[in-house]
């Protein structure tokens, strides 16, 4: 059993409350490929994917994330889980599930973070060949969002050969630059130096563009942009509404912002450039990051962003 998996399981305090449900999911136009995985899910309303293996909703500090547990399968997980039953755990509810023939266990539990209760929904599911973990977190005082997170997680579909249903509706031009399009996943287009995702090049400079998955009601675009930037996976982002710079690109208004930060204290510093453009109830996100030559790469990101256009 993978040591990491065992560590994760031991965090779950368990009170026996078993039930079982069988789910048959059929891929629909609402299903989105979760970046970097073999999973399709229907994101909760107002959630979007910023190029990560999951979906975020910044306003409520909610997220749904998926990861494949390497070197493990469902039977190994189940044997390790059964050994823990009866010990003092914090999980208050668990269900056995069968999703399109794949066995799983679905947990709901609550924890306190910084004095606030957080509801966690966690699904482990798989077969004798694979194991996935899908986690949804949201403050407990948002019952509607928590219910939509549960529905999203249970909409999951595993496909060992995932493909996209939709075509991109936007583009940028990278001709005569060092970046090459590296494909599209979940409606997000990736650009890297070697055109591979993840890149194998020594130069890790990257650029992505994506959009909101649903129409949104954004009262204050500047405030929304700040909240969105704060959700990027970097430590201590210093951003405020007055620091955003207004931009207008091919008829779309929005804001740009750049900063330097690290994803972890022991990780190298990156230069990050972001643009949010608004088109009625939708927005488009352009995001570049570089580990060196910050000034030159910032110029590169700005020049590419100016070529952004919608495709009819």
Protein backbone atom coordinates (compact mmCIF):
# COMPACT_ATOMS: atom_id res chain seq x y z
CA UNK A 1 0.00 0.00 0.00
CA UNK A 2 1.26 3.41 -0.88
CA UNK A 3 2.48 5.12 2.31
CA UNK A 4 0.91 8.41 1.22
CA UNK A 5 -2.46 6.74 0.81
CA UNK A 6 -2.26 5.21 4.28
CA UNK A 7 -1.39 8.60 5.71
CA UNK A 8 -4.42 10.15 4.03
CA UNK A 9 -6.73 7.46 5.34
CA UNK A 10 -5.53 7.85 8.92
CA UNK A 11 -6.76 11.45 8.90
CA UNK A 12 -10.33 10.20 8.57
CA UNK A 13 -11.98 9.58 11.93
CA UNK A 14 -14.70 7.06 11.29
CA UNK A 15 -18.10 6.42 12.87
CA UNK A 16 -19.75 3.41 11.15
CA UNK A 17 -22.72 4.54 9.07
CA UNK A 18 -22.80 2.39 5.93
CA UNK A 19 -25.07 2.60 2.94
CA UNK A 20 -24.57 1.77 -0.71
CA UNK A 21 -25.54 3.41 -3.97
CA UNK A 22 -25.06 2.40 -7.57
CA UNK A 23 -24.50 5.16 -10.12
CA UNK A 24 -24.43 5.00 -13.90
CA UNK A 25 -23.01 8.18 -15.42
CA UNK A 26 -23.25 8.97 -19.13
CA UNK A 27 -20.91 11.58 -20.54
CA UNK A 28 -22.79 14.74 -21.48
CA UNK A 29 -21.95 18.15 -22.88
CA UNK A 30 -21.74 19.43 -19.30
CA UNK A 31 -18.93 17.02 -18.41
CA UNK A 32 -15.44 18.53 -18.44
CA UNK A 33 -12.16 16.68 -18.64
CA UNK A 34 -10.27 17.25 -15.38
CA UNK A 35 -6.85 18.54 -16.38
CA UNK A 36 -4.09 15.96 -16.12
CA UNK A 37 -6.41 13.06 -15.26
CA UNK A 38 -8.54 10.38 -16.90
CA UNK A 39 -11.69 11.76 -15.30
CA UNK A 40 -14.67 13.71 -16.58
CA UNK A 41 -16.85 15.62 -14.12
CA UNK A 42 -19.66 18.17 -14.22
CA UNK A 43 -18.26 21.20 -12.36
CA UNK A 44 -20.48 22.83 -9.73
CA UNK A 45 -22.13 26.09 -10.90
CA UNK A 46 -19.73 29.07 -10.98
CA UNK A 47 -16.66 26.81 -10.61
CA UNK A 48 -13.88 27.00 -13.19
CA UNK A 49 -10.61 25.23 -13.95
CA UNK A 50 -7.49 27.44 -14.05
CA UNK A 51 -5.30 24.74 -15.55
CA UNK A 52 -5.21 22.54 -12.46
CA UNK A 53 -6.68 19.06 -11.86
CA UNK A 54 -9.94 20.36 -10.47
CA UNK A 55 -12.31 23.31 -10.19
CA UNK A 56 -12.35 26.45 -8.03
CA UNK A 57 -14.97 28.93 -6.82
CA UNK A 58 -12.97 31.83 -5.31
CA UNK A 59 -15.87 33.79 -3.83
CA UNK A 60 -16.77 31.00 -1.39
CA UNK A 61 -13.23 29.56 -1.03
CA UNK A 62 -14.47 26.24 -2.38
CA UNK A 63 -12.65 23.70 -4.53
CA UNK A 64 -12.94 20.25 -6.07
CA UNK A 65 -9.64 18.46 -6.79
CA UNK A 66 -8.77 15.07 -8.26
CA UNK A 67 -5.57 13.04 -8.15
CA UNK A 68 -4.52 9.57 -9.19
CA UNK A 69 -2.94 7.55 -6.39
CA UNK A 70 0.16 6.08 -7.99
CA UNK A 71 1.30 2.50 -7.44
CA UNK A 72 -2.01 1.51 -5.90
CA UNK A 73 -5.44 0.16 -6.78
CA UNK A 74 -8.85 -0.02 -5.16
CA UNK A 75 -8.35 -3.41 -3.56
CA UNK A 76 -5.17 -2.23 -1.83
CA UNK A 77 -7.01 0.85 -0.59
CA UNK A 78 -9.91 -1.25 0.67
CA UNK A 79 -7.70 -3.65 2.61
CA UNK A 80 -5.94 -0.75 4.31
CA UNK A 81 -9.22 0.97 5.08
CA UNK A 82 -10.79 -2.10 6.66
CA UNK A 83 -7.88 -2.35 9.08
CA UNK A 84 -8.79 1.11 10.41
CA UNK A 85 -12.49 0.45 11.07
CA UNK A 86 -13.27 0.58 14.77
CA UNK A 87 -10.44 2.94 15.65
CA UNK A 88 -11.09 6.54 16.61
CA UNK A 89 -11.56 8.47 13.40
CA UNK A 90 -13.19 11.74 12.39
CA UNK A 91 -15.28 10.66 9.44
CA UNK A 92 -18.95 10.76 10.41
CA UNK A 93 -20.41 9.22 7.25
CA UNK A 94 -19.26 6.83 4.53
CA UNK A 95 -21.05 5.16 1.65
CA UNK A 96 -20.07 2.30 -0.60
CA UNK A 97 -20.60 3.34 -4.21
CA UNK A 98 -20.46 1.63 -7.57
CA UNK A 99 -19.84 4.15 -10.37
CA UNK A 100 -20.03 2.72 -13.88
CA UNK A 101 -18.83 -0.59 -12.47
CA UNK A 102 -15.92 0.90 -10.50
CA UNK A 103 -16.04 0.38 -6.74
CA UNK A 104 -15.62 3.27 -4.35
CA UNK A 105 -16.14 4.77 -0.92
CA UNK A 106 -17.59 8.24 -0.45
CA UNK A 107 -16.89 10.17 2.78
CA UNK A 108 -18.39 13.29 4.30
CA UNK A 109 -16.63 14.83 7.27
CA UNK A 110 -16.06 18.20 8.89
CA UNK A 111 -12.92 19.85 10.23
CA UNK A 112 -12.05 23.20 11.76
CA UNK A 113 -9.64 25.50 9.91
CA UNK A 114 -8.71 28.83 11.47
CA UNK A 115 -11.77 28.53 13.71
CA UNK A 116 -14.22 27.93 10.85
CA UNK A 117 -15.97 24.62 10.08
CA UNK A 118 -15.10 23.18 6.67
CA UNK A 119 -17.09 20.39 5.03
CA UNK A 120 -15.09 17.80 3.12
CA UNK A 121 -16.47 15.41 0.52
CA UNK A 122 -14.01 12.69 -0.48
CA UNK A 123 -14.36 9.87 -2.99
CA UNK A 124 -11.88 7.02 -3.42
CA UNK A 125 -12.78 4.85 -6.39
CA UNK A 126 -11.15 2.54 -8.88
CA UNK A 127 -10.53 -1.05 -9.91
CA UNK A 128 -7.72 -3.57 -9.75
CA UNK A 129 -5.83 -1.35 -12.20
CA UNK A 130 -6.17 2.19 -10.80
CA UNK A 131 -7.21 4.32 -7.84
CA UNK A 132 -8.41 7.94 -7.87
CA UNK A 133 -9.10 10.33 -5.02
CA UNK A 134 -11.54 13.23 -5.55
CA UNK A 135 -11.89 15.82 -2.78
CA UNK A 136 -14.31 18.73 -2.45
CA UNK A 137 -13.94 21.36 0.28
CA UNK A 138 -16.15 24.31 1.17
CA UNK A 139 -17.04 26.30 4.30
CA UNK A 140 -19.89 24.55 6.08
CA UNK A 141 -22.06 27.69 6.07
CA UNK A 142 -22.63 27.24 2.31
CA UNK A 143 -25.00 24.23 2.27
CA UNK A 144 -26.09 24.84 -1.32
CA UNK A 145 -22.53 24.85 -2.63
CA UNK A 146 -21.66 21.78 -0.57
CA UNK A 147 -24.57 19.90 -2.09
CA UNK A 148 -23.47 20.91 -5.60
CA UNK A 149 -19.94 19.71 -4.77
CA UNK A 150 -21.33 16.31 -3.79
CA UNK A 151 -23.29 16.12 -7.05
CA UNK A 152 -20.19 17.11 -9.01
CA UNK A 153 -18.01 14.45 -7.40
CA UNK A 154 -20.60 11.73 -8.00
CA UNK A 155 -20.89 12.76 -11.67
CA UNK A 156 -17.37 11.40 -12.26
CA UNK A 157 -16.60 9.24 -15.28
CA UNK A 158 -13.32 7.35 -15.72
CA UNK A 159 -11.96 7.04 -19.26
CA UNK A 160 -8.51 5.57 -19.87
CA UNK A 161 -8.38 7.37 -23.24
CA UNK A 162 -9.97 10.77 -22.59
CA UNK A 163 -10.78 13.18 -25.42
CA UNK A 164 -12.41 16.57 -25.58
CA UNK A 165 -15.98 17.12 -26.80
CA UNK A 166 -15.78 20.80 -27.60
CA UNK A 167 -13.61 23.00 -29.73
CA UNK A 168 -11.89 26.06 -28.40
CA UNK A 169 -13.67 29.38 -28.89
CA UNK A 170 -10.64 31.61 -28.37
CA UNK A 171 -7.01 31.77 -29.35
CA UNK A 172 -3.73 33.67 -29.16
CA UNK A 173 -0.90 33.84 -31.67
CA UNK A 174 2.54 32.60 -30.67
CA UNK A 175 4.24 32.61 -34.07
CA UNK A 176 7.80 33.93 -33.90
CA UNK A 177 7.93 33.33 -30.13
CA UNK A 178 9.56 30.52 -28.16
CA UNK A 179 6.19 29.08 -27.11
CA UNK A 180 4.39 26.25 -28.92
CA UNK A 181 0.81 25.12 -28.38
CA UNK A 182 0.85 21.97 -26.28
CA UNK A 183 -2.74 20.88 -26.67
CA UNK A 184 -6.06 21.55 -25.00
CA UNK A 185 -7.61 19.98 -21.94
CA UNK A 186 -10.93 20.89 -20.33
CA UNK A 187 -11.21 23.95 -22.57
CA UNK A 188 -7.79 25.27 -21.49
CA UNK A 189 -5.07 25.76 -24.10
CA UNK A 190 -1.46 25.19 -23.00
CA UNK A 191 1.72 26.68 -24.46
CA UNK A 192 5.23 25.53 -23.53
CA UNK A 193 8.69 25.84 -25.04
CA UNK A 194 8.65 22.30 -26.46
CA UNK A 195 4.90 22.00 -27.00
CA UNK A 196 4.63 19.23 -24.39
CA UNK A 197 2.45 19.15 -21.26
CA UNK A 198 4.14 18.81 -18.88
CA UNK A 199 7.15 20.31 -20.57
CA UNK A 200 10.42 18.41 -20.84
CA UNK A 201 12.39 21.52 -21.79
CA UNK A 202 14.96 23.11 -19.51
CA UNK A 203 13.12 26.43 -19.97
CA UNK A 204 9.85 25.92 -18.03
CA UNK A 205 8.20 29.12 -19.29
CA UNK A 206 4.50 28.43 -19.88
CA UNK A 207 1.31 30.22 -20.88
CA UNK A 208 -2.33 29.11 -20.65
CA UNK A 209 -5.67 30.55 -21.69
CA UNK A 210 -9.10 29.45 -20.53
CA UNK A 211 -12.57 30.70 -19.75
CA UNK A 212 -15.34 30.42 -17.20
CA UNK A 213 -17.39 27.27 -17.68
CA UNK A 214 -20.72 28.92 -16.92
CA UNK A 215 -22.32 32.32 -17.20
CA UNK A 216 -21.65 34.27 -14.01
CA UNK A 217 -23.21 37.16 -12.16
CA UNK A 218 -20.18 39.35 -11.48
CA UNK A 219 -21.19 42.48 -9.59
CA UNK A 220 -17.72 44.06 -9.43
CA UNK A 221 -15.21 42.90 -12.03
CA UNK A 222 -12.24 44.42 -10.25
CA UNK A 223 -13.11 42.71 -6.97
CA UNK A 224 -13.73 39.43 -8.76
CA UNK A 225 -10.35 39.65 -10.48
CA UNK A 226 -8.57 40.23 -7.18
CA UNK A 227 -10.29 37.22 -5.62
CA UNK A 228 -9.42 35.09 -8.63
CA UNK A 229 -5.73 36.07 -8.47
CA UNK A 230 -5.64 35.24 -4.76
CA UNK A 231 -6.70 31.69 -5.62
CA UNK A 232 -3.59 31.05 -7.70
CA UNK A 233 -1.32 28.42 -6.07
CA UNK A 234 1.31 30.85 -4.79
CA UNK A 235 2.18 31.91 -1.26
CA UNK A 236 1.31 35.39 0.06
CA UNK A 237 0.17 37.08 -3.16
CA UNK A 238 0.13 40.83 -2.53
CA UNK A 239 -2.72 42.09 -4.70
CA UNK A 240 -5.44 44.69 -4.24
CA UNK A 241 -7.96 46.39 -6.50
CA UNK A 242 -5.85 49.53 -6.91
CA UNK A 243 -2.89 47.46 -8.17
CA UNK A 244 -4.79 46.03 -11.14
CA UNK A 245 -4.05 47.69 -14.48
CA UNK A 246 -6.90 48.19 -16.92
CA UNK A 247 -6.52 46.63 -20.37
CA UNK A 248 -8.63 46.46 -23.53
CA UNK A 249 -7.87 43.66 -25.99
CA UNK A 250 -9.84 43.19 -29.20
CA UNK A 251 -12.91 44.86 -27.73
CA UNK A 252 -12.80 43.08 -24.37
CA UNK A 253 -12.20 45.05 -21.18
CA UNK A 254 -10.33 43.64 -18.22
CA UNK A 255 -7.33 43.84 -15.93
CA UNK A 256 -3.72 42.69 -15.89
CA UNK A 257 -1.43 42.03 -12.94
CA UNK A 258 2.02 40.54 -12.46
CA UNK A 259 3.84 39.41 -9.34
CA UNK A 260 6.66 37.20 -8.12
CA UNK A 261 6.04 34.31 -5.79
CA UNK A 262 6.71 30.68 -4.95
CA UNK A 263 4.25 27.80 -4.68
CA UNK A 264 6.02 26.54 -1.55
CA UNK A 265 8.67 28.00 0.74
CA UNK A 266 11.27 25.59 -0.62
CA UNK A 267 10.29 26.10 -4.27
CA UNK A 268 11.98 28.55 -6.67
CA UNK A 269 10.52 32.00 -7.24
CA UNK A 270 8.40 32.51 -10.35
CA UNK A 271 7.22 35.54 -12.25
CA UNK A 272 3.49 35.29 -12.88
CA UNK A 273 1.46 37.41 -15.30
CA UNK A 274 -2.33 37.27 -15.40
CA UNK A 275 -5.03 38.89 -17.51
CA UNK A 276 -8.77 38.65 -16.97
CA UNK A 277 -11.03 39.78 -19.81
CA UNK A 278 -14.80 40.05 -19.52
CA UNK A 279 -17.48 39.43 -22.12
CA UNK A 280 -20.93 39.82 -20.61
CA UNK A 281 -21.48 36.96 -18.14
CA UNK A 282 -18.24 35.18 -19.12
CA UNK A 283 -14.60 35.87 -18.44
CA UNK A 284 -11.36 34.70 -20.02
CA UNK A 285 -8.17 34.03 -18.08
CA UNK A 286 -4.68 34.35 -19.55
CA UNK A 287 -1.84 33.21 -17.31
CA UNK A 288 1.91 33.05 -17.88
CA UNK A 289 4.68 31.91 -15.54
CA UNK A 290 8.47 31.85 -15.82
CA UNK A 291 11.38 30.84 -13.60
CA UNK A 292 14.02 33.10 -15.16
CA UNK A 293 14.51 36.10 -17.46
CA UNK A 294 11.58 37.76 -15.74
CA UNK A 295 11.66 41.05 -17.65
CA UNK A 296 11.92 39.43 -21.08
CA UNK A 297 9.24 36.86 -20.29
CA UNK A 298 6.92 39.56 -18.98
CA UNK A 299 7.24 41.33 -22.34
CA UNK A 300 6.55 38.01 -24.05
CA UNK A 301 3.39 37.35 -22.02
CA UNK A 302 2.08 40.86 -22.66
CA UNK A 303 2.69 40.62 -26.40
CA UNK A 304 0.94 37.24 -26.63
CA UNK A 305 -2.00 38.48 -24.56
CA UNK A 306 -2.56 41.36 -26.97
CA UNK A 307 -3.29 38.82 -29.72
CA UNK A 308 -6.16 37.20 -27.79
CA UNK A 309 -9.33 36.93 -29.85
CA UNK A 310 -12.66 35.14 -29.79
CA UNK A 311 -13.44 32.64 -32.55
CA UNK A 312 -16.93 32.72 -34.02
